[in-house]
Amino acid sequence: MKTLVSVPLFLMVLCSPAMAEGFAIKDLTRLPESARKLPGGMESARVESGRMTILCTTCSTMVAVDVLTGRSTDGTEARFRAGETTPKMMEDQCRSRDPSCTLEKLEVGPGIGWLTIWNGGSTAVLFRDGDMLTIRGIAATPQEARGHVRAALQAIAPVIIGR
């Protein structure tokens, strides 16, 4: 009978949230140099453990992308993965603050989240096992900001999130 009890306990430990993988890279200073650059002359101006700021030094207007890592402990990821919170619900909430807001669902490897575009710019939010990645873009137009956020999603997000 001890064997029957110890096997389920062993399985519970292996499947516990504490064993969840989360992001492959949590410390942004560990990003490879190639992931610190985006097309169009955009390079990291500052890199810290949980934040990287990428600026365009050759652009005629202000262009910036902020990459932030952290944790989400409020259940947003679980509700979004389960479909309790839908992209439409998120978009309606965003539109209540800015009628121009649009939102689309994102999946990057095992990461899940959304991309918004509004008058002030564009933001992508991705979750994996409680880790949260936020990529914010500011540019002359919201569409340009979205383009820079999408470039960061392609170049940086897979490296951070992992497989």
N, C-alpha and C. Protein backbone atom coordinates (compact mmCIF):
# COMPACT_ATOMS: atom_id res chain seq x y z
N MET A 1 0.81 -1.19 0.00
CA MET A 1 0.00 0.00 0.00
C MET A 1 0.86 1.26 0.00
N LYS A 2 2.02 1.24 0.62
CA LYS A 2 2.91 2.39 0.59
C LYS A 2 3.30 2.73 -0.84
N THR A 3 3.52 1.73 -1.65
CA THR A 3 3.88 1.97 -3.05
C THR A 3 2.76 2.71 -3.76
N LEU A 4 1.52 2.34 -3.52
CA LEU A 4 0.40 3.03 -4.15
C LEU A 4 0.31 4.48 -3.70
N VAL A 5 0.62 4.75 -2.45
CA VAL A 5 0.57 6.12 -1.94
C VAL A 5 1.74 6.94 -2.48
N SER A 6 2.93 6.36 -2.53
CA SER A 6 4.09 7.13 -2.95
C SER A 6 4.08 7.46 -4.45
N VAL A 7 3.51 6.59 -5.27
CA VAL A 7 3.46 6.89 -6.69
C VAL A 7 2.61 8.12 -6.96
N PRO A 8 1.38 8.20 -6.44
CA PRO A 8 0.61 9.42 -6.68
C PRO A 8 1.29 10.67 -6.11
N LEU A 9 1.92 10.58 -4.96
CA LEU A 9 2.62 11.74 -4.42
C LEU A 9 3.75 12.16 -5.34
N PHE A 10 4.48 11.17 -5.86
CA PHE A 10 5.56 11.45 -6.79
C PHE A 10 5.01 12.15 -8.04
N LEU A 11 3.90 11.65 -8.56
CA LEU A 11 3.29 12.27 -9.73
C LEU A 11 2.79 13.67 -9.42
N MET A 12 2.25 13.88 -8.23
CA MET A 12 1.78 15.21 -7.85
C MET A 12 2.94 16.20 -7.82
N VAL A 13 4.08 15.78 -7.33
CA VAL A 13 5.25 16.65 -7.28
C VAL A 13 5.70 16.99 -8.70
N LEU A 14 5.74 15.98 -9.57
CA LEU A 14 6.17 16.22 -10.95
C LEU A 14 5.22 17.15 -11.69
N CYS A 15 3.95 17.10 -11.37
CA CYS A 15 2.95 17.90 -12.08
C CYS A 15 2.59 19.19 -11.37
N SER A 16 3.23 19.50 -10.28
CA SER A 16 2.87 20.69 -9.52
C SER A 16 3.28 21.96 -10.25
N PRO A 17 2.58 23.08 -10.01
CA PRO A 17 2.93 24.34 -10.65
C PRO A 17 4.36 24.78 -10.38
N ALA A 18 4.92 24.39 -9.26
CA ALA A 18 6.30 24.77 -8.95
C ALA A 18 7.26 24.17 -9.96
N MET A 19 6.86 23.08 -10.63
CA MET A 19 7.72 22.44 -11.61
C MET A 19 7.49 23.01 -13.02
N ALA A 20 6.57 23.96 -13.17
CA ALA A 20 6.28 24.54 -14.48
C ALA A 20 7.53 25.19 -15.05
N GLU A 21 7.65 25.11 -16.36
CA GLU A 21 8.85 25.62 -17.01
C GLU A 21 8.94 27.14 -17.03
N GLY A 22 7.89 27.81 -17.44
CA GLY A 22 7.98 29.25 -17.62
C GLY A 22 8.85 29.57 -18.83
N PHE A 23 9.37 30.77 -18.88
CA PHE A 23 10.16 31.21 -20.01
C PHE A 23 11.53 30.54 -20.03
N ALA A 24 12.07 30.41 -21.22
CA ALA A 24 13.42 29.86 -21.38
C ALA A 24 14.45 30.85 -20.86
N ILE A 25 14.19 32.15 -21.07
CA ILE A 25 15.09 33.21 -20.58
C ILE A 25 14.26 34.20 -19.79
N LYS A 26 14.59 34.35 -18.52
CA LYS A 26 13.88 35.31 -17.67
C LYS A 26 14.71 36.57 -17.46
N ASP A 27 16.01 36.44 -17.54
CA ASP A 27 16.93 37.56 -17.37
C ASP A 27 17.32 38.08 -18.75
N LEU A 28 16.83 39.25 -19.11
CA LEU A 28 17.05 39.78 -20.45
C LEU A 28 18.51 40.11 -20.75
N THR A 29 19.34 40.23 -19.73
CA THR A 29 20.77 40.46 -19.99
C THR A 29 21.41 39.22 -20.61
N ARG A 30 20.72 38.07 -20.53
CA ARG A 30 21.23 36.82 -21.09
C ARG A 30 20.79 36.61 -22.54
N LEU A 31 20.04 37.55 -23.09
CA LEU A 31 19.63 37.44 -24.50
C LEU A 31 20.85 37.51 -25.40
N PRO A 32 20.88 36.70 -26.44
CA PRO A 32 22.00 36.81 -27.38
C PRO A 32 21.98 38.18 -28.06
N GLU A 33 23.13 38.66 -28.44
CA GLU A 33 23.27 39.97 -29.08
C GLU A 33 22.35 40.11 -30.29
N SER A 34 22.19 39.04 -31.04
CA SER A 34 21.34 39.07 -32.24
C SER A 34 19.88 39.36 -31.91
N ALA A 35 19.42 39.01 -30.72
CA ALA A 35 18.03 39.26 -30.32
C ALA A 35 17.83 40.65 -29.74
N ARG A 36 18.90 41.42 -29.65
CA ARG A 36 18.81 42.77 -29.10
C ARG A 36 18.65 43.83 -30.19
N LYS A 37 18.49 43.38 -31.43
CA LYS A 37 18.36 44.29 -32.56
C LYS A 37 17.10 43.94 -33.35
N LEU A 38 16.48 44.97 -33.91
CA LEU A 38 15.33 44.78 -34.78
C LEU A 38 15.63 45.43 -36.12
N PRO A 39 14.90 45.05 -37.16
CA PRO A 39 15.12 45.67 -38.47
C PRO A 39 14.94 47.18 -38.42
N GLY A 40 15.57 47.88 -39.35
CA GLY A 40 15.39 49.32 -39.46
C GLY A 40 16.27 50.14 -38.55
N GLY A 41 17.40 49.61 -38.13
CA GLY A 41 18.32 50.37 -37.29
C GLY A 41 17.94 50.44 -35.83
N MET A 42 17.11 49.52 -35.37
CA MET A 42 16.68 49.53 -33.97
C MET A 42 17.59 48.63 -33.15
N GLU A 43 18.20 49.22 -32.11
CA GLU A 43 19.11 48.47 -31.24
C GLU A 43 18.81 48.76 -29.78
N SER A 44 19.16 47.81 -28.93
CA SER A 44 18.91 47.99 -27.50
C SER A 44 19.76 49.15 -26.98
N ALA A 45 19.09 50.03 -26.26
CA ALA A 45 19.76 51.17 -25.66
C ALA A 45 20.07 50.88 -24.20
N ARG A 46 19.26 50.01 -23.61
CA ARG A 46 19.44 49.67 -22.20
C ARG A 46 18.91 48.26 -21.98
N VAL A 47 19.67 47.44 -21.29
CA VAL A 47 19.23 46.09 -20.97
C VAL A 47 19.46 45.85 -19.48
N GLU A 48 18.39 45.46 -18.81
CA GLU A 48 18.44 45.08 -17.40
C GLU A 48 17.82 43.70 -17.29
N SER A 49 17.82 43.13 -16.11
CA SER A 49 17.31 41.79 -15.92
C SER A 49 15.87 41.64 -16.44
N GLY A 50 14.98 42.54 -16.07
CA GLY A 50 13.58 42.42 -16.44
C GLY A 50 13.10 43.42 -17.46
N ARG A 51 14.02 44.20 -18.06
CA ARG A 51 13.59 45.22 -19.02
C ARG A 51 14.67 45.51 -20.05
N MET A 52 14.23 45.60 -21.29
CA MET A 52 15.12 46.00 -22.37
C MET A 52 14.40 47.09 -23.18
N THR A 53 15.09 48.19 -23.42
CA THR A 53 14.55 49.27 -24.23
C THR A 53 15.32 49.31 -25.54
N ILE A 54 14.56 49.27 -26.64
CA ILE A 54 15.15 49.29 -27.97
C ILE A 54 14.73 50.61 -28.63
N LEU A 55 15.70 51.35 -29.15
CA LEU A 55 15.44 52.63 -29.79
C LEU A 55 15.95 52.61 -31.22
N CYS A 56 15.33 53.47 -32.04
CA CYS A 56 15.80 53.64 -33.41
C CYS A 56 16.62 54.93 -33.45
N THR A 57 17.89 54.78 -33.71
CA THR A 57 18.77 55.96 -33.73
C THR A 57 18.85 56.61 -35.10
N THR A 58 18.31 55.94 -36.13
CA THR A 58 18.35 56.50 -37.48
C THR A 58 16.98 56.98 -37.96
N CYS A 59 15.94 56.82 -37.15
CA CYS A 59 14.59 57.22 -37.54
C CYS A 59 14.40 58.73 -37.38
N SER A 60 13.54 59.30 -38.22
CA SER A 60 13.29 60.75 -38.15
C SER A 60 12.32 61.10 -37.03
N THR A 61 11.56 60.13 -36.54
CA THR A 61 10.65 60.36 -35.41
C THR A 61 10.99 59.38 -34.29
N MET A 62 10.42 59.63 -33.13
CA MET A 62 10.66 58.77 -31.96
C MET A 62 10.07 57.39 -32.19
N VAL A 63 10.90 56.38 -32.10
CA VAL A 63 10.46 54.99 -32.19
C VAL A 63 11.12 54.26 -31.03
N ALA A 64 10.30 53.58 -30.23
CA ALA A 64 10.83 52.84 -29.09
C ALA A 64 10.03 51.57 -28.88
N VAL A 65 10.73 50.53 -28.46
CA VAL A 65 10.11 49.27 -28.09
C VAL A 65 10.63 48.92 -26.70
N ASP A 66 9.72 48.67 -25.79
CA ASP A 66 10.06 48.29 -24.43
C ASP A 66 9.69 46.83 -24.25
N VAL A 67 10.62 46.02 -23.77
CA VAL A 67 10.42 44.59 -23.54
C VAL A 67 10.54 44.36 -22.04
N LEU A 68 9.48 43.81 -21.44
CA LEU A 68 9.47 43.60 -19.99
C LEU A 68 9.10 42.16 -19.67
N THR A 69 9.79 41.58 -18.71
CA THR A 69 9.43 40.25 -18.22
C THR A 69 9.01 40.37 -16.77
N GLY A 70 8.13 39.48 -16.37
CA GLY A 70 7.66 39.47 -15.00
C GLY A 70 6.81 38.24 -14.75
N ARG A 71 6.01 38.31 -13.71
CA ARG A 71 5.12 37.21 -13.34
C ARG A 71 3.68 37.70 -13.35
N SER A 72 2.77 36.80 -13.62
CA SER A 72 1.34 37.07 -13.55
C SER A 72 0.74 36.08 -12.57
N THR A 73 0.22 36.60 -11.48
CA THR A 73 -0.31 35.71 -10.43
C THR A 73 -1.80 35.89 -10.21
N ASP A 74 -2.47 36.66 -11.09
CA ASP A 74 -3.89 36.94 -10.86
C ASP A 74 -4.84 36.00 -11.59
N GLY A 75 -4.32 34.98 -12.27
CA GLY A 75 -5.16 34.01 -12.96
C GLY A 75 -5.52 34.38 -14.39
N THR A 76 -4.99 35.49 -14.90
CA THR A 76 -5.31 35.92 -16.27
C THR A 76 -4.95 34.85 -17.28
N GLU A 77 -3.76 34.28 -17.17
CA GLU A 77 -3.33 33.26 -18.12
C GLU A 77 -4.28 32.07 -18.12
N ALA A 78 -4.62 31.56 -16.97
CA ALA A 78 -5.50 30.39 -16.89
C ALA A 78 -6.87 30.68 -17.47
N ARG A 79 -7.42 31.87 -17.18
CA ARG A 79 -8.73 32.23 -17.73
C ARG A 79 -8.68 32.38 -19.24
N PHE A 80 -7.58 32.95 -19.76
CA PHE A 80 -7.44 33.13 -21.20
C PHE A 80 -7.26 31.79 -21.90
N ARG A 81 -6.42 30.92 -21.33
CA ARG A 81 -6.21 29.59 -21.92
C ARG A 81 -7.50 28.76 -21.90
N ALA A 82 -8.28 28.88 -20.85
CA ALA A 82 -9.51 28.11 -20.71
C ALA A 82 -10.67 28.69 -21.53
N GLY A 83 -10.49 29.87 -22.07
CA GLY A 83 -11.56 30.50 -22.83
C GLY A 83 -12.59 31.22 -21.98
N GLU A 84 -12.34 31.30 -20.66
CA GLU A 84 -13.24 32.06 -19.79
C GLU A 84 -13.16 33.55 -20.10
N THR A 85 -11.96 34.00 -20.43
CA THR A 85 -11.75 35.36 -20.92
C THR A 85 -11.39 35.22 -22.39
N THR A 86 -12.20 35.81 -23.26
CA THR A 86 -12.00 35.67 -24.70
C THR A 86 -11.32 36.92 -25.27
N PRO A 87 -10.71 36.79 -26.45
CA PRO A 87 -10.15 37.98 -27.11
C PRO A 87 -11.21 39.07 -27.30
N LYS A 88 -12.44 38.69 -27.63
CA LYS A 88 -13.52 39.67 -27.81
C LYS A 88 -13.78 40.42 -26.51
N MET A 89 -13.79 39.73 -25.38
CA MET A 89 -13.99 40.38 -24.08
C MET A 89 -12.85 41.36 -23.80
N MET A 90 -11.62 40.93 -24.11
CA MET A 90 -10.46 41.80 -23.90
C MET A 90 -10.54 43.03 -24.80
N GLU A 91 -10.93 42.83 -26.05
CA GLU A 91 -11.04 43.95 -26.99
C GLU A 91 -12.12 44.93 -26.54
N ASP A 92 -13.26 44.42 -26.06
CA ASP A 92 -14.33 45.30 -25.56
C ASP A 92 -13.83 46.14 -24.38
N GLN A 93 -13.07 45.51 -23.50
CA GLN A 93 -12.51 46.24 -22.35
C GLN A 93 -11.54 47.33 -22.84
N CYS A 94 -10.70 47.00 -23.81
CA CYS A 94 -9.76 47.97 -24.36
C CYS A 94 -10.50 49.11 -25.05
N ARG A 95 -11.54 48.78 -25.81
CA ARG A 95 -12.33 49.81 -26.51
C ARG A 95 -13.08 50.73 -25.56
N SER A 96 -13.36 50.24 -24.36
CA SER A 96 -14.03 51.11 -23.39
C SER A 96 -13.11 52.25 -22.97
N ARG A 97 -11.80 52.06 -23.10
CA ARG A 97 -10.82 53.10 -22.78
C ARG A 97 -10.40 53.89 -24.02
N ASP A 98 -10.38 53.21 -25.18
CA ASP A 98 -9.98 53.85 -26.44
C ASP A 98 -10.77 53.18 -27.57
N PRO A 99 -11.75 53.89 -28.14
CA PRO A 99 -12.59 53.30 -29.18
C PRO A 99 -11.84 52.79 -30.40
N SER A 100 -10.60 53.24 -30.63
CA SER A 100 -9.83 52.78 -31.78
C SER A 100 -9.12 51.45 -31.52
N CYS A 101 -9.18 50.94 -30.32
CA CYS A 101 -8.44 49.73 -29.94
C CYS A 101 -8.91 48.50 -30.72
N THR A 102 -7.93 47.73 -31.19
CA THR A 102 -8.21 46.41 -31.75
C THR A 102 -7.32 45.41 -31.02
N LEU A 103 -7.77 44.18 -30.97
CA LEU A 103 -7.03 43.15 -30.25
C LEU A 103 -7.10 41.85 -31.03
N GLU A 104 -5.98 41.14 -31.08
CA GLU A 104 -5.96 39.82 -31.70
C GLU A 104 -5.22 38.85 -30.80
N LYS A 105 -5.63 37.61 -30.84
CA LYS A 105 -4.99 36.55 -30.06
C LYS A 105 -3.62 36.24 -30.65
N LEU A 106 -2.66 35.96 -29.76
CA LEU A 106 -1.30 35.59 -30.16
C LEU A 106 -0.94 34.23 -29.58
N GLU A 107 -0.16 33.48 -30.34
CA GLU A 107 0.46 32.26 -29.84
C GLU A 107 1.89 32.24 -30.35
N VAL A 108 2.83 32.18 -29.45
CA VAL A 108 4.25 32.07 -29.79
C VAL A 108 4.77 30.85 -29.05
N GLY A 109 5.00 29.76 -29.79
CA GLY A 109 5.38 28.51 -29.14
C GLY A 109 4.32 28.16 -28.10
N PRO A 110 4.73 27.83 -26.88
CA PRO A 110 3.75 27.53 -25.83
C PRO A 110 3.19 28.79 -25.16
N GLY A 111 3.63 29.96 -25.60
CA GLY A 111 3.13 31.21 -25.04
C GLY A 111 1.81 31.61 -25.68
N ILE A 112 0.93 32.21 -24.87
CA ILE A 112 -0.38 32.63 -25.36
C ILE A 112 -0.66 34.03 -24.82
N GLY A 113 -1.37 34.83 -25.61
CA GLY A 113 -1.70 36.18 -25.17
C GLY A 113 -2.40 36.95 -26.25
N TRP A 114 -2.10 38.24 -26.34
CA TRP A 114 -2.79 39.10 -27.29
C TRP A 114 -1.92 40.27 -27.73
N LEU A 115 -2.32 40.86 -28.84
CA LEU A 115 -1.67 42.05 -29.39
C LEU A 115 -2.75 43.11 -29.53
N THR A 116 -2.50 44.30 -28.97
CA THR A 116 -3.45 45.40 -29.12
C THR A 116 -2.79 46.52 -29.91
N ILE A 117 -3.63 47.28 -30.58
CA ILE A 117 -3.20 48.50 -31.24
C ILE A 117 -4.23 49.56 -30.88
N TRP A 118 -3.76 50.72 -30.49
CA TRP A 118 -4.63 51.82 -30.09
C TRP A 118 -3.93 53.13 -30.46
N ASN A 119 -4.57 54.25 -30.16
CA ASN A 119 -4.01 55.55 -30.55
C ASN A 119 -2.61 55.79 -30.02
N GLY A 120 -2.28 55.26 -28.87
CA GLY A 120 -0.98 55.51 -28.26
C GLY A 120 0.13 54.59 -28.72
N GLY A 121 -0.19 53.52 -29.45
CA GLY A 121 0.84 52.59 -29.87
C GLY A 121 0.32 51.18 -29.98
N SER A 122 1.14 50.23 -29.59
CA SER A 122 0.78 48.83 -29.68
C SER A 122 1.45 48.06 -28.54
N THR A 123 0.75 47.04 -28.04
CA THR A 123 1.28 46.23 -26.94
C THR A 123 0.97 44.76 -27.18
N ALA A 124 1.96 43.92 -26.98
CA ALA A 124 1.76 42.46 -26.99
C ALA A 124 2.00 41.96 -25.56
N VAL A 125 1.15 41.05 -25.13
CA VAL A 125 1.29 40.42 -23.82
C VAL A 125 1.22 38.92 -24.03
N LEU A 126 2.23 38.21 -23.54
CA LEU A 126 2.28 36.76 -23.67
C LEU A 126 2.56 36.12 -22.32
N PHE A 127 1.95 34.96 -22.10
CA PHE A 127 2.10 34.22 -20.84
C PHE A 127 2.60 32.81 -21.12
N ARG A 128 3.37 32.29 -20.17
CA ARG A 128 3.74 30.88 -20.15
C ARG A 128 4.01 30.47 -18.72
N ASP A 129 3.17 29.59 -18.21
CA ASP A 129 3.35 29.03 -16.87
C ASP A 129 3.55 30.10 -15.80
N GLY A 130 2.81 31.19 -15.89
CA GLY A 130 2.89 32.26 -14.90
C GLY A 130 3.89 33.35 -15.22
N ASP A 131 4.79 33.11 -16.18
CA ASP A 131 5.70 34.17 -16.62
C ASP A 131 4.96 35.05 -17.62
N MET A 132 5.27 36.33 -17.62
CA MET A 132 4.59 37.28 -18.50
C MET A 132 5.61 38.12 -19.26
N LEU A 133 5.41 38.23 -20.56
CA LEU A 133 6.23 39.05 -21.43
C LEU A 133 5.35 40.16 -21.98
N THR A 134 5.80 41.40 -21.83
CA THR A 134 5.08 42.54 -22.38
C THR A 134 6.03 43.26 -23.34
N ILE A 135 5.54 43.52 -24.55
CA ILE A 135 6.31 44.26 -25.55
C ILE A 135 5.46 45.46 -25.97
N ARG A 136 5.95 46.66 -25.66
CA ARG A 136 5.22 47.89 -25.99
C ARG A 136 5.97 48.66 -27.06
N GLY A 137 5.22 49.14 -28.04
CA GLY A 137 5.82 49.94 -29.10
C GLY A 137 5.20 51.31 -29.18
N ILE A 138 6.04 52.32 -29.37
CA ILE A 138 5.59 53.70 -29.56
C ILE A 138 6.28 54.21 -30.82
N ALA A 139 5.48 54.82 -31.70
CA ALA A 139 6.02 55.36 -32.95
C ALA A 139 5.10 56.49 -33.41
N ALA A 140 5.39 57.05 -34.59
CA ALA A 140 4.61 58.16 -35.11
C ALA A 140 3.14 57.79 -35.33
N THR A 141 2.89 56.54 -35.71
CA THR A 141 1.51 56.07 -35.90
C THR A 141 1.32 54.75 -35.17
N PRO A 142 0.09 54.43 -34.80
CA PRO A 142 -0.16 53.13 -34.17
C PRO A 142 0.22 51.96 -35.07
N GLN A 143 0.02 52.11 -36.38
CA GLN A 143 0.37 51.04 -37.32
C GLN A 143 1.88 50.81 -37.34
N GLU A 144 2.65 51.90 -37.30
CA GLU A 144 4.11 51.76 -37.25
C GLU A 144 4.54 51.10 -35.95
N ALA A 145 3.91 51.48 -34.85
CA ALA A 145 4.22 50.87 -33.55
C ALA A 145 3.92 49.37 -33.59
N ARG A 146 2.78 49.02 -34.19
CA ARG A 146 2.43 47.59 -34.30
C ARG A 146 3.48 46.85 -35.12
N GLY A 147 3.97 47.47 -36.19
CA GLY A 147 5.02 46.84 -37.00
C GLY A 147 6.27 46.54 -36.20
N HIS A 148 6.65 47.47 -35.33
CA HIS A 148 7.84 47.26 -34.49
C HIS A 148 7.58 46.20 -33.42
N VAL A 149 6.37 46.18 -32.88
CA VAL A 149 6.03 45.14 -31.89
C VAL A 149 6.04 43.78 -32.57
N ARG A 150 5.49 43.70 -33.78
CA ARG A 150 5.50 42.42 -34.51
C ARG A 150 6.93 41.97 -34.81
N ALA A 151 7.81 42.91 -35.16
CA ALA A 151 9.22 42.57 -35.40
C ALA A 151 9.84 42.00 -34.13
N ALA A 152 9.53 42.61 -32.99
CA ALA A 152 10.05 42.11 -31.71
C ALA A 152 9.46 40.74 -31.39
N LEU A 153 8.17 40.55 -31.71
CA LEU A 153 7.55 39.25 -31.48
C LEU A 153 8.26 38.16 -32.28
N GLN A 154 8.65 38.47 -33.50
CA GLN A 154 9.33 37.49 -34.35
C GLN A 154 10.78 37.25 -33.90
N ALA A 155 11.48 38.32 -33.53
CA ALA A 155 12.91 38.21 -33.23
C ALA A 155 13.21 37.84 -31.78
N ILE A 156 12.42 38.36 -30.86
CA ILE A 156 12.76 38.26 -29.44
C ILE A 156 11.88 37.25 -28.69
N ALA A 157 10.56 37.32 -28.92
CA ALA A 157 9.63 36.50 -28.13
C ALA A 157 9.96 35.02 -28.16
N PRO A 158 10.24 34.40 -29.32
CA PRO A 158 10.54 32.96 -29.30
C PRO A 158 11.78 32.62 -28.47
N VAL A 159 12.76 33.51 -28.46
CA VAL A 159 13.99 33.28 -27.68
C VAL A 159 13.66 33.31 -26.19
N ILE A 160 12.85 34.27 -25.77
CA ILE A 160 12.47 34.40 -24.37
C ILE A 160 11.54 33.27 -23.93
N ILE A 161 10.51 33.02 -24.72
CA ILE A 161 9.49 32.04 -24.34
C ILE A 161 10.00 30.61 -24.43
N GLY A 162 10.77 30.29 -25.44
CA GLY A 162 11.28 28.94 -25.62
C GLY A 162 10.27 28.05 -26.31
N ARG A 163 10.55 26.76 -26.30
CA ARG A 163 9.69 25.79 -27.01
C ARG A 163 8.77 25.06 -26.08
